[in-house]
Amino acid sequence: LNAASLVWIKKITGERFLALRTIGSTALGALLDTAIFTTVAWAGT
């Protein structure tokens, strides 16, 4: 998701706003990564 969202953001912004692409894509990828790990690993325990 991190890689796909970065490419998607780049299609909108072009070569501008690298920080928006890197931080924005990581915000999405890391959120899903953390949510999946925490939920699957610890739910019910």
PDB file of all heavy atoms in Angstrom:
ATOM      1  N   LEU A   1       0.833  -1.203   0.000  1.00  0.00           N
ATOM      2  CA  LEU A   1       0.000   0.000   0.000  1.00  0.00           C
ATOM      3  C   LEU A   1       0.864   1.247   0.000  1.00  0.00           C
ATOM      4  O   LEU A   1       0.551   2.236  -0.688  1.00  0.00           O
ATOM      5  CB  LEU A   1      -0.924   0.004   1.220  1.00  0.00           C
ATOM      6  CG  LEU A   1      -1.795   1.262   1.382  1.00  0.00           C
ATOM      7  CD1 LEU A   1      -2.735   1.426   0.201  1.00  0.00           C
ATOM      8  CD2 LEU A   1      -2.584   1.214   2.690  1.00  0.00           C
ATOM      9  N   ASN A   2       1.955   1.220   0.740  1.00  0.00           N
ATOM     10  CA  ASN A   2       2.871   2.362   0.785  1.00  0.00           C
ATOM     11  C   ASN A   2       3.394   2.686  -0.615  1.00  0.00           C
ATOM     12  O   ASN A   2       3.369   3.845  -1.044  1.00  0.00           O
ATOM     13  CB  ASN A   2       4.034   2.035   1.724  1.00  0.00           C
ATOM     14  CG  ASN A   2       5.083   3.134   1.765  1.00  0.00           C
ATOM     15  OD1 ASN A   2       4.831   4.231   2.232  1.00  0.00           O
ATOM     16  ND2 ASN A   2       6.276   2.831   1.261  1.00  0.00           N
ATOM     17  N   ALA A   3       3.852   1.661  -1.339  1.00  0.00           N
ATOM     18  CA  ALA A   3       4.395   1.878  -2.681  1.00  0.00           C
ATOM     19  C   ALA A   3       3.308   2.330  -3.655  1.00  0.00           C
ATOM     20  O   ALA A   3       3.515   3.257  -4.451  1.00  0.00           O
ATOM     21  CB  ALA A   3       5.055   0.596  -3.186  1.00  0.00           C
ATOM     22  N   ALA A   4       2.150   1.682  -3.600  1.00  0.00           N
ATOM     23  CA  ALA A   4       1.070   2.015  -4.534  1.00  0.00           C
ATOM     24  C   ALA A   4       0.546   3.429  -4.296  1.00  0.00           C
ATOM     25  O   ALA A   4       0.286   4.172  -5.256  1.00  0.00           O
ATOM     26  CB  ALA A   4      -0.064   0.998  -4.394  1.00  0.00           C
ATOM     27  N   SER A   5       0.404   3.812  -3.036  1.00  0.00           N
ATOM     28  CA  SER A   5      -0.119   5.152  -2.745  1.00  0.00           C
ATOM     29  C   SER A   5       0.873   6.237  -3.130  1.00  0.00           C
ATOM     30  O   SER A   5       0.480   7.324  -3.581  1.00  0.00           O
ATOM     31  CB  SER A   5      -0.489   5.265  -1.254  1.00  0.00           C
ATOM     32  OG  SER A   5       0.635   4.997  -0.427  1.00  0.00           O
ATOM     33  N   LEU A   6       2.179   5.964  -2.993  1.00  0.00           N
ATOM     34  CA  LEU A   6       3.170   6.951  -3.421  1.00  0.00           C
ATOM     35  C   LEU A   6       3.081   7.200  -4.925  1.00  0.00           C
ATOM     36  O   LEU A   6       3.119   8.343  -5.382  1.00  0.00           O
ATOM     37  CB  LEU A   6       4.574   6.502  -3.040  1.00  0.00           C
ATOM     38  CG  LEU A   6       5.684   7.529  -3.333  1.00  0.00           C
ATOM     39  CD1 LEU A   6       6.732   7.525  -2.224  1.00  0.00           C
ATOM     40  CD2 LEU A   6       6.364   7.257  -4.679  1.00  0.00           C
ATOM     41  N   VAL A   7       2.978   6.114  -5.687  1.00  0.00           N
ATOM     42  CA  VAL A   7       2.862   6.253  -7.141  1.00  0.00           C
ATOM     43  C   VAL A   7       1.576   7.002  -7.509  1.00  0.00           C
ATOM     44  O   VAL A   7       1.564   7.838  -8.416  1.00  0.00           O
ATOM     45  CB  VAL A   7       2.899   4.861  -7.815  1.00  0.00           C
ATOM     46  CG1 VAL A   7       2.582   4.975  -9.304  1.00  0.00           C
ATOM     47  CG2 VAL A   7       4.266   4.212  -7.613  1.00  0.00           C
ATOM     48  N   TRP A   8       0.499   6.715  -6.796  1.00  0.00           N
ATOM     49  CA  TRP A   8      -0.779   7.397  -7.045  1.00  0.00           C
ATOM     50  C   TRP A   8      -0.668   8.887  -6.764  1.00  0.00           C
ATOM     51  O   TRP A   8      -1.128   9.718  -7.544  1.00  0.00           O
ATOM     52  CB  TRP A   8      -1.866   6.768  -6.196  1.00  0.00           C
ATOM     53  CG  TRP A   8      -3.204   7.437  -6.353  1.00  0.00           C
ATOM     54  CD1 TRP A   8      -4.075   7.320  -7.403  1.00  0.00           C
ATOM     55  CD2 TRP A   8      -3.812   8.343  -5.416  1.00  0.00           C
ATOM     56  NE1 TRP A   8      -5.194   8.097  -7.189  1.00  0.00           N
ATOM     57  CE2 TRP A   8      -5.055   8.739  -5.977  1.00  0.00           C
ATOM     58  CE3 TRP A   8      -3.439   8.845  -4.173  1.00  0.00           C
ATOM     59  CZ2 TRP A   8      -5.921   9.613  -5.326  1.00  0.00           C
ATOM     60  CZ3 TRP A   8      -4.303   9.718  -3.523  1.00  0.00           C
ATOM     61  CH2 TRP A   8      -5.519  10.100  -4.094  1.00  0.00           C
ATOM     62  N   ILE A   9      -0.032   9.245  -5.638  1.00  0.00           N
ATOM     63  CA  ILE A   9       0.142  10.658  -5.297  1.00  0.00           C
ATOM     64  C   ILE A   9       1.022  11.350  -6.334  1.00  0.00           C
ATOM     65  O   ILE A   9       0.769  12.498  -6.713  1.00  0.00           O
ATOM     66  CB  ILE A   9       0.739  10.809  -3.879  1.00  0.00           C
ATOM     67  CG1 ILE A   9      -0.224  10.276  -2.823  1.00  0.00           C
ATOM     68  CG2 ILE A   9       1.065  12.275  -3.582  1.00  0.00           C
ATOM     69  CD1 ILE A   9       0.364  10.208  -1.428  1.00  0.00           C
ATOM     70  N   LYS A  10       2.038  10.636  -6.823  1.00  0.00           N
ATOM     71  CA  LYS A  10       2.943  11.235  -7.813  1.00  0.00           C
ATOM     72  C   LYS A  10       2.222  11.522  -9.123  1.00  0.00           C
ATOM     73  O   LYS A  10       2.556  12.484  -9.827  1.00  0.00           O
ATOM     74  CB  LYS A  10       4.139  10.321  -8.051  1.00  0.00           C
ATOM     75  CG  LYS A  10       5.207  10.964  -8.938  1.00  0.00           C
ATOM     76  CD  LYS A  10       6.492  10.167  -8.971  1.00  0.00           C
ATOM     77  CE  LYS A  10       7.560  10.922  -9.763  1.00  0.00           C
ATOM     78  NZ  LYS A  10       8.854  10.206  -9.767  1.00  0.00           N
ATOM     79  N   LYS A  11       1.253  10.693  -9.479  1.00  0.00           N
ATOM     80  CA  LYS A  11       0.485  10.957 -10.690  1.00  0.00           C
ATOM     81  C   LYS A  11      -0.256  12.289 -10.588  1.00  0.00           C
ATOM     82  O   LYS A  11      -0.503  12.960 -11.591  1.00  0.00           O
ATOM     83  CB  LYS A  11      -0.506   9.823 -10.938  1.00  0.00           C
ATOM     84  CG  LYS A  11       0.141   8.531 -11.409  1.00  0.00           C
ATOM     85  CD  LYS A  11      -0.910   7.453 -11.671  1.00  0.00           C
ATOM     86  CE  LYS A  11      -0.266   6.169 -12.170  1.00  0.00           C
ATOM     87  NZ  LYS A  11      -1.267   5.093 -12.405  1.00  0.00           N
ATOM     88  N   ILE A  12      -0.612  12.676  -9.373  1.00  0.00           N
ATOM     89  CA  ILE A  12      -1.341  13.924  -9.154  1.00  0.00           C
ATOM     90  C   ILE A  12      -0.392  15.109  -9.048  1.00  0.00           C
ATOM     91  O   ILE A  12      -0.638  16.177  -9.620  1.00  0.00           O
ATOM     92  CB  ILE A  12      -2.198  13.824  -7.876  1.00  0.00           C
ATOM     93  CG1 ILE A  12      -3.240  12.700  -8.019  1.00  0.00           C
ATOM     94  CG2 ILE A  12      -2.882  15.158  -7.568  1.00  0.00           C
ATOM     95  CD1 ILE A  12      -4.013  12.431  -6.755  1.00  0.00           C
ATOM     96  N   THR A  13       0.730  14.922  -8.348  1.00  0.00           N
ATOM     97  CA  THR A  13       1.629  16.039  -8.064  1.00  0.00           C
ATOM     98  C   THR A  13       2.777  16.161  -9.059  1.00  0.00           C
ATOM     99  O   THR A  13       3.431  17.205  -9.124  1.00  0.00           O
ATOM    100  CB  THR A  13       2.238  15.896  -6.662  1.00  0.00           C
ATOM    101  OG1 THR A  13       3.045  14.709  -6.607  1.00  0.00           O
ATOM    102  CG2 THR A  13       1.154  15.814  -5.598  1.00  0.00           C
ATOM    103  N   GLY A  14       3.041  15.113  -9.838  1.00  0.00           N
ATOM    104  CA  GLY A  14       4.217  15.130 -10.701  1.00  0.00           C
ATOM    105  C   GLY A  14       5.482  15.013  -9.866  1.00  0.00           C
ATOM    106  O   GLY A  14       5.501  14.341  -8.834  1.00  0.00           O
ATOM    107  N   GLU A  15       6.538  15.683 -10.284  1.00  0.00           N
ATOM    108  CA  GLU A  15       7.815  15.617  -9.582  1.00  0.00           C
ATOM    109  C   GLU A  15       7.859  16.530  -8.349  1.00  0.00           C
ATOM    110  O   GLU A  15       8.824  16.503  -7.591  1.00  0.00           O
ATOM    111  CB  GLU A  15       8.960  16.010 -10.528  1.00  0.00           C
ATOM    112  CG  GLU A  15       9.181  15.036 -11.682  1.00  0.00           C
ATOM    113  CD  GLU A  15       9.683  13.675 -11.205  1.00  0.00           C
ATOM    114  OE1 GLU A  15      10.290  13.608 -10.116  1.00  0.00           O
ATOM    115  OE2 GLU A  15       9.441  12.681 -11.914  1.00  0.00           O
ATOM    116  N   ARG A  16       6.836  17.322  -8.168  1.00  0.00           N
ATOM    117  CA  ARG A  16       6.811  18.241  -7.019  1.00  0.00           C
ATOM    118  C   ARG A  16       6.402  17.512  -5.737  1.00  0.00           C
ATOM    119  O   ARG A  16       5.861  16.416  -5.778  1.00  0.00           O
ATOM    120  CB  ARG A  16       5.825  19.383  -7.284  1.00  0.00           C
ATOM    121  CG  ARG A  16       6.119  20.217  -8.533  1.00  0.00           C
ATOM    122  CD  ARG A  16       4.957  21.169  -8.807  1.00  0.00           C
ATOM    123  NE  ARG A  16       3.724  20.405  -9.052  1.00  0.00           N
ATOM    124  CZ  ARG A  16       2.500  20.919  -8.959  1.00  0.00           C
ATOM    125  NH1 ARG A  16       2.335  22.178  -8.587  1.00  0.00           N
ATOM    126  NH2 ARG A  16       1.435  20.178  -9.215  1.00  0.00           N
ATOM    127  N   PHE A  17       6.680  18.146  -4.611  1.00  0.00           N
ATOM    128  CA  PHE A  17       6.179  17.713  -3.305  1.00  0.00           C
ATOM    129  C   PHE A  17       6.590  16.287  -2.939  1.00  0.00           C
ATOM    130  O   PHE A  17       5.739  15.446  -2.616  1.00  0.00           O
ATOM    131  CB  PHE A  17       4.655  17.833  -3.239  1.00  0.00           C
ATOM    132  CG  PHE A  17       4.123  19.166  -3.678  1.00  0.00           C
ATOM    133  CD1 PHE A  17       3.184  19.246  -4.692  1.00  0.00           C
ATOM    134  CD2 PHE A  17       4.576  20.345  -3.096  1.00  0.00           C
ATOM    135  CE1 PHE A  17       2.683  20.466  -5.117  1.00  0.00           C
ATOM    136  CE2 PHE A  17       4.082  21.576  -3.510  1.00  0.00           C
ATOM    137  CZ  PHE A  17       3.136  21.640  -4.524  1.00  0.00           C
ATOM    138  N   LEU A  18       7.893  16.024  -2.987  1.00  0.00           N
ATOM    139  CA  LEU A  18       8.383  14.699  -2.597  1.00  0.00           C
ATOM    140  C   LEU A  18       7.973  14.361  -1.170  1.00  0.00           C
ATOM    141  O   LEU A  18       7.589  13.217  -0.881  1.00  0.00           O
ATOM    142  CB  LEU A  18       9.907  14.633  -2.742  1.00  0.00           C
ATOM    143  CG  LEU A  18      10.581  13.329  -2.278  1.00  0.00           C
ATOM    144  CD1 LEU A  18      10.068  12.136  -3.071  1.00  0.00           C
ATOM    145  CD2 LEU A  18      12.099  13.440  -2.402  1.00  0.00           C
ATOM    146  N   ALA A  19       8.038  15.339  -0.278  1.00  0.00           N
ATOM    147  CA  ALA A  19       7.691  15.094   1.125  1.00  0.00           C
ATOM    148  C   ALA A  19       6.233  14.655   1.262  1.00  0.00           C
ATOM    149  O   ALA A  19       5.911  13.795   2.086  1.00  0.00           O
ATOM    150  CB  ALA A  19       7.939  16.347   1.965  1.00  0.00           C
ATOM    151  N   LEU A  20       5.363  15.243   0.463  1.00  0.00           N
ATOM    152  CA  LEU A  20       3.952  14.846   0.503  1.00  0.00           C
ATOM    153  C   LEU A  20       3.806  13.385   0.097  1.00  0.00           C
ATOM    154  O   LEU A  20       3.023  12.628   0.697  1.00  0.00           O
ATOM    155  CB  LEU A  20       3.129  15.742  -0.431  1.00  0.00           C
ATOM    156  CG  LEU A  20       1.648  15.373  -0.583  1.00  0.00           C
ATOM    157  CD1 LEU A  20       0.928  15.499   0.749  1.00  0.00           C
ATOM    158  CD2 LEU A  20       0.987  16.262  -1.641  1.00  0.00           C
ATOM    159  N   ARG A  21       4.555  12.971  -0.909  1.00  0.00           N
ATOM    160  CA  ARG A  21       4.474  11.581  -1.367  1.00  0.00           C
ATOM    161  C   ARG A  21       5.016  10.619  -0.317  1.00  0.00           C
ATOM    162  O   ARG A  21       4.394   9.586  -0.018  1.00  0.00           O
ATOM    163  CB  ARG A  21       5.252  11.410  -2.677  1.00  0.00           C
ATOM    164  CG  ARG A  21       4.703  12.224  -3.822  1.00  0.00           C
ATOM    165  CD  ARG A  21       5.230  11.732  -5.156  1.00  0.00           C
ATOM    166  NE  ARG A  21       6.665  11.890  -5.323  1.00  0.00           N
ATOM    167  CZ  ARG A  21       7.244  13.011  -5.756  1.00  0.00           C
ATOM    168  NH1 ARG A  21       6.517  14.086  -6.001  1.00  0.00           N
ATOM    169  NH2 ARG A  21       8.555  13.065  -5.931  1.00  0.00           N
ATOM    170  N   THR A  22       6.193  10.925   0.229  1.00  0.00           N
ATOM    171  CA  THR A  22       6.819   9.989   1.166  1.00  0.00           C
ATOM    172  C   THR A  22       6.056   9.914   2.494  1.00  0.00           C
ATOM    173  O   THR A  22       5.784   8.822   3.002  1.00  0.00           O
ATOM    174  CB  THR A  22       8.280  10.379   1.434  1.00  0.00           C
ATOM    175  OG1 THR A  22       8.338  11.713   1.951  1.00  0.00           O
ATOM    176  CG2 THR A  22       9.099  10.296   0.155  1.00  0.00           C
ATOM    177  N   ILE A  23       5.714  11.066   3.038  1.00  0.00           N
ATOM    178  CA  ILE A  23       5.004  11.071   4.329  1.00  0.00           C
ATOM    179  C   ILE A  23       3.580  10.579   4.163  1.00  0.00           C
ATOM    180  O   ILE A  23       3.060   9.805   4.979  1.00  0.00           O
ATOM    181  CB  ILE A  23       5.045  12.475   4.953  1.00  0.00           C
ATOM    182  CG1 ILE A  23       6.496  12.863   5.282  1.00  0.00           C
ATOM    183  CG2 ILE A  23       4.186  12.525   6.221  1.00  0.00           C
ATOM    184  CD1 ILE A  23       6.656  14.285   5.800  1.00  0.00           C
ATOM    185  N   GLY A  24       2.919  11.015   3.084  1.00  0.00           N
ATOM    186  CA  GLY A  24       1.541  10.593   2.863  1.00  0.00           C
ATOM    187  C   GLY A  24       1.424   9.097   2.636  1.00  0.00           C
ATOM    188  O   GLY A  24       0.536   8.433   3.204  1.00  0.00           O
ATOM    189  N   SER A  25       2.316   8.530   1.818  1.00  0.00           N
ATOM    190  CA  SER A  25       2.255   7.090   1.552  1.00  0.00           C
ATOM    191  C   SER A  25       2.611   6.279   2.796  1.00  0.00           C
ATOM    192  O   SER A  25       1.992   5.246   3.071  1.00  0.00           O
ATOM    193  CB  SER A  25       3.192   6.729   0.398  1.00  0.00           C
ATOM    194  OG  SER A  25       4.543   7.028   0.722  1.00  0.00           O
ATOM    195  N   THR A  26       3.589   6.756   3.565  1.00  0.00           N
ATOM    196  CA  THR A  26       3.956   6.057   4.791  1.00  0.00           C
ATOM    197  C   THR A  26       2.839   6.132   5.816  1.00  0.00           C
ATOM    198  O   THR A  26       2.594   5.168   6.555  1.00  0.00           O
ATOM    199  CB  THR A  26       5.255   6.638   5.390  1.00  0.00           C
ATOM    200  OG1 THR A  26       6.327   6.446   4.458  1.00  0.00           O
ATOM    201  CG2 THR A  26       5.617   5.948   6.701  1.00  0.00           C
ATOM    202  N   ALA A  27       2.146   7.261   5.864  1.00  0.00           N
ATOM    203  CA  ALA A  27       1.020   7.401   6.791  1.00  0.00           C
ATOM    204  C   ALA A  27      -0.025   6.323   6.523  1.00  0.00           C
ATOM    205  O   ALA A  27      -0.570   5.715   7.460  1.00  0.00           O
ATOM    206  CB  ALA A  27       0.401   8.792   6.666  1.00  0.00           C
ATOM    207  N   LEU A  28      -0.299   6.060   5.256  1.00  0.00           N
ATOM    208  CA  LEU A  28      -1.284   5.037   4.897  1.00  0.00           C
ATOM    209  C   LEU A  28      -0.738   3.628   5.121  1.00  0.00           C
ATOM    210  O   LEU A  28      -1.385   2.783   5.747  1.00  0.00           O
ATOM    211  CB  LEU A  28      -1.695   5.208   3.438  1.00  0.00           C
ATOM    212  CG  LEU A  28      -2.499   6.462   3.088  1.00  0.00           C
ATOM    213  CD1 LEU A  28      -2.684   6.571   1.580  1.00  0.00           C
ATOM    214  CD2 LEU A  28      -3.846   6.455   3.785  1.00  0.00           C
ATOM    215  N   GLY A  29       0.473   3.372   4.593  1.00  0.00           N
ATOM    216  CA  GLY A  29       1.052   2.037   4.700  1.00  0.00           C
ATOM    217  C   GLY A  29       1.320   1.626   6.139  1.00  0.00           C
ATOM    218  O   GLY A  29       0.980   0.511   6.554  1.00  0.00           O
ATOM    219  N   ALA A  30       1.918   2.532   6.910  1.00  0.00           N
ATOM    220  CA  ALA A  30       2.247   2.211   8.300  1.00  0.00           C
ATOM    221  C   ALA A  30       0.985   2.057   9.147  1.00  0.00           C
ATOM    222  O   ALA A  30       0.945   1.252  10.082  1.00  0.00           O
ATOM    223  CB  ALA A  30       3.139   3.307   8.891  1.00  0.00           C
ATOM    224  N   LEU A  31      -0.048   2.830   8.825  1.00  0.00           N
ATOM    225  CA  LEU A  31      -1.305   2.718   9.563  1.00  0.00           C
ATOM    226  C   LEU A  31      -1.912   1.327   9.385  1.00  0.00           C
ATOM    227  O   LEU A  31      -2.309   0.677  10.358  1.00  0.00           O
ATOM    228  CB  LEU A  31      -2.293   3.786   9.089  1.00  0.00           C
ATOM    229  CG  LEU A  31      -3.681   3.749   9.742  1.00  0.00           C
ATOM    230  CD1 LEU A  31      -3.580   4.005  11.241  1.00  0.00           C
ATOM    231  CD2 LEU A  31      -4.613   4.779   9.085  1.00  0.00           C
ATOM    232  N   LEU A  32      -1.963   0.868   8.138  1.00  0.00           N
ATOM    233  CA  LEU A  32      -2.544  -0.446   7.883  1.00  0.00           C
ATOM    234  C   LEU A  32      -1.656  -1.556   8.437  1.00  0.00           C
ATOM    235  O   LEU A  32      -2.147  -2.533   9.020  1.00  0.00           O
ATOM    236  CB  LEU A  32      -2.751  -0.631   6.376  1.00  0.00           C
ATOM    237  CG  LEU A  32      -3.730  -1.738   5.959  1.00  0.00           C
ATOM    238  CD1 LEU A  32      -5.084  -1.518   6.619  1.00  0.00           C
ATOM    239  CD2 LEU A  32      -3.878  -1.785   4.454  1.00  0.00           C
ATOM    240  N   ASP A  33      -0.352  -1.406   8.278  1.00  0.00           N
ATOM    241  CA  ASP A  33       0.603  -2.372   8.819  1.00  0.00           C
ATOM    242  C   ASP A  33       0.409  -2.521  10.324  1.00  0.00           C
ATOM    243  O   ASP A  33       0.262  -3.634  10.850  1.00  0.00           O
ATOM    244  CB  ASP A  33       2.023  -1.906   8.489  1.00  0.00           C
ATOM    245  CG  ASP A  33       3.092  -2.826   9.059  1.00  0.00           C
ATOM    246  OD1 ASP A  33       2.756  -3.923   9.524  1.00  0.00           O
ATOM    247  OD2 ASP A  33       4.272  -2.438   9.033  1.00  0.00           O
ATOM    248  N   THR A  34       0.396  -1.393  11.022  1.00  0.00           N
ATOM    249  CA  THR A  34       0.271  -1.410  12.479  1.00  0.00           C
ATOM    250  C   THR A  34      -1.081  -1.949  12.918  1.00  0.00           C
ATOM    251  O   THR A  34      -1.172  -2.733  13.870  1.00  0.00           O
ATOM    252  CB  THR A  34       0.474   0.019  13.039  1.00  0.00           C
ATOM    253  OG1 THR A  34       1.734   0.530  12.598  1.00  0.00           O
ATOM    254  CG2 THR A  34       0.438   0.009  14.555  1.00  0.00           C
ATOM    255  N   ALA A  35      -2.147  -1.535  12.220  1.00  0.00           N
ATOM    256  CA  ALA A  35      -3.492  -1.976  12.590  1.00  0.00           C
ATOM    257  C   ALA A  35      -3.650  -3.482  12.409  1.00  0.00           C
ATOM    258  O   ALA A  35      -4.213  -4.173  13.267  1.00  0.00           O
ATOM    259  CB  ALA A  35      -4.526  -1.237  11.739  1.00  0.00           C
ATOM    260  N   ILE A  36      -3.135  -4.004  11.291  1.00  0.00           N
ATOM    261  CA  ILE A  36      -3.242  -5.451  11.041  1.00  0.00           C
ATOM    262  C   ILE A  36      -2.448  -6.238  12.072  1.00  0.00           C
ATOM    263  O   ILE A  36      -2.953  -7.198  12.671  1.00  0.00           O
ATOM    264  CB  ILE A  36      -2.751  -5.791   9.618  1.00  0.00           C
ATOM    265  CG1 ILE A  36      -3.738  -5.259   8.582  1.00  0.00           C
ATOM    266  CG2 ILE A  36      -2.578  -7.301   9.448  1.00  0.00           C
ATOM    267  CD1 ILE A  36      -3.262  -5.409   7.148  1.00  0.00           C
ATOM    268  N   PHE A  37      -1.196  -5.823  12.302  1.00  0.00           N
ATOM    269  CA  PHE A  37      -0.358  -6.554  13.253  1.00  0.00           C
ATOM    270  C   PHE A  37      -0.969  -6.533  14.655  1.00  0.00           C
ATOM    271  O   PHE A  37      -1.092  -7.580  15.305  1.00  0.00           O
ATOM    272  CB  PHE A  37       1.048  -5.971  13.308  1.00  0.00           C
ATOM    273  CG  PHE A  37       1.904  -6.615  14.364  1.00  0.00           C
ATOM    274  CD1 PHE A  37       2.509  -7.846  14.122  1.00  0.00           C
ATOM    275  CD2 PHE A  37       2.083  -6.023  15.607  1.00  0.00           C
ATOM    276  CE1 PHE A  37       3.277  -8.466  15.102  1.00  0.00           C
ATOM    277  CE2 PHE A  37       2.850  -6.627  16.584  1.00  0.00           C
ATOM    278  CZ  PHE A  37       3.445  -7.852  16.337  1.00  0.00           C
ATOM    279  N   THR A  38      -1.355  -5.366  15.119  1.00  0.00           N
ATOM    280  CA  THR A  38      -1.876  -5.240  16.479  1.00  0.00           C
ATOM    281  C   THR A  38      -3.168  -6.034  16.654  1.00  0.00           C
ATOM    282  O   THR A  38      -3.354  -6.719  17.664  1.00  0.00           O
ATOM    283  CB  THR A  38      -2.129  -3.756  16.818  1.00  0.00           C
ATOM    284  OG1 THR A  38      -0.923  -3.014  16.624  1.00  0.00           O
ATOM    285  CG2 THR A  38      -2.586  -3.601  18.258  1.00  0.00           C
ATOM    286  N   THR A  39      -4.046  -5.956  15.669  1.00  0.00           N
ATOM    287  CA  THR A  39      -5.337  -6.641  15.775  1.00  0.00           C
ATOM    288  C   THR A  39      -5.182  -8.157  15.715  1.00  0.00           C
ATOM    289  O   THR A  39      -5.703  -8.886  16.575  1.00  0.00           O
ATOM    290  CB  THR A  39      -6.278  -6.183  14.647  1.00  0.00           C
ATOM    291  OG1 THR A  39      -6.448  -4.768  14.716  1.00  0.00           O
ATOM    292  CG2 THR A  39      -7.646  -6.850  14.784  1.00  0.00           C
ATOM    293  N   VAL A  40      -4.463  -8.645  14.708  1.00  0.00           N
ATOM    294  CA  VAL A  40      -4.318 -10.092  14.537  1.00  0.00           C
ATOM    295  C   VAL A  40      -3.494 -10.698  15.670  1.00  0.00           C
ATOM    296  O   VAL A  40      -3.780 -11.800  16.143  1.00  0.00           O
ATOM    297  CB  VAL A  40      -3.676 -10.413  13.170  1.00  0.00           C
ATOM    298  CG1 VAL A  40      -3.449 -11.919  13.020  1.00  0.00           C
ATOM    299  CG2 VAL A  40      -4.562  -9.912  12.037  1.00  0.00           C
ATOM    300  N   ALA A  41      -2.471  -9.969  16.131  1.00  0.00           N
ATOM    301  CA  ALA A  41      -1.569 -10.512  17.151  1.00  0.00           C
ATOM    302  C   ALA A  41      -2.191 -10.542  18.540  1.00  0.00           C
ATOM    303  O   ALA A  41      -1.973 -11.486  19.305  1.00  0.00           O
ATOM    304  CB  ALA A  41      -0.276  -9.706  17.182  1.00  0.00           C
ATOM    305  N   TRP A  42      -2.965  -9.521  18.879  1.00  0.00           N
ATOM    306  CA  TRP A  42      -3.348  -9.353  20.278  1.00  0.00           C
ATOM    307  C   TRP A  42      -4.848  -9.368  20.567  1.00  0.00           C
ATOM    308  O   TRP A  42      -5.241  -9.353  21.731  1.00  0.00           O
ATOM    309  CB  TRP A  42      -2.764  -8.044  20.820  1.00  0.00           C
ATOM    310  CG  TRP A  42      -1.301  -7.922  20.622  1.00  0.00           C
ATOM    311  CD1 TRP A  42      -0.645  -7.003  19.865  1.00  0.00           C
ATOM    312  CD2 TRP A  42      -0.267  -8.747  21.186  1.00  0.00           C
ATOM    313  NE1 TRP A  42       0.713  -7.195  19.890  1.00  0.00           N
ATOM    314  CE2 TRP A  42       0.973  -8.260  20.708  1.00  0.00           C
ATOM    315  CE3 TRP A  42      -0.284  -9.849  22.039  1.00  0.00           C
ATOM    316  CZ2 TRP A  42       2.184  -8.855  21.060  1.00  0.00           C
ATOM    317  CZ3 TRP A  42       0.927 -10.436  22.388  1.00  0.00           C
ATOM    318  CH2 TRP A  42       2.134  -9.935  21.900  1.00  0.00           C
ATOM    319  N   ALA A  43      -5.685  -9.401  19.535  1.00  0.00           N
ATOM    320  CA  ALA A  43      -7.131  -9.407  19.775  1.00  0.00           C
ATOM    321  C   ALA A  43      -7.536 -10.619  20.613  1.00  0.00           C
ATOM    322  O   ALA A  43      -7.166 -11.756  20.310  1.00  0.00           O
ATOM    323  CB  ALA A  43      -7.889  -9.408  18.448  1.00  0.00           C
ATOM    324  N   GLY A  44      -8.264 -10.380  21.691  1.00  0.00           N
ATOM    325  CA  GLY A  44      -8.710 -11.457  22.567  1.00  0.00           C
ATOM    326  C   GLY A  44      -7.734 -11.808  23.660  1.00  0.00           C
ATOM    327  O   GLY A  44      -8.080 -12.569  24.582  1.00  0.00           O
ATOM    328  N   THR A  45      -6.502 -11.282  23.588  1.00  0.00           N
ATOM    329  CA  THR A  45      -5.505 -11.580  24.626  1.00  0.00           C
ATOM    330  C   THR A  45      -5.137 -10.342  25.437  1.00  0.00           C
ATOM    331  O   THR A  45      -4.625 -10.470  26.547  1.00  0.00           O
ATOM    332  CB  THR A  45      -4.212 -12.163  23.999  1.00  0.00           C
ATOM    333  OG1 THR A  45      -3.630 -11.194  23.125  1.00  0.00           O
ATOM    334  CG2 THR A  45      -4.538 -13.418  23.202  1.00  0.00           C
TER     335      THR A  45
END
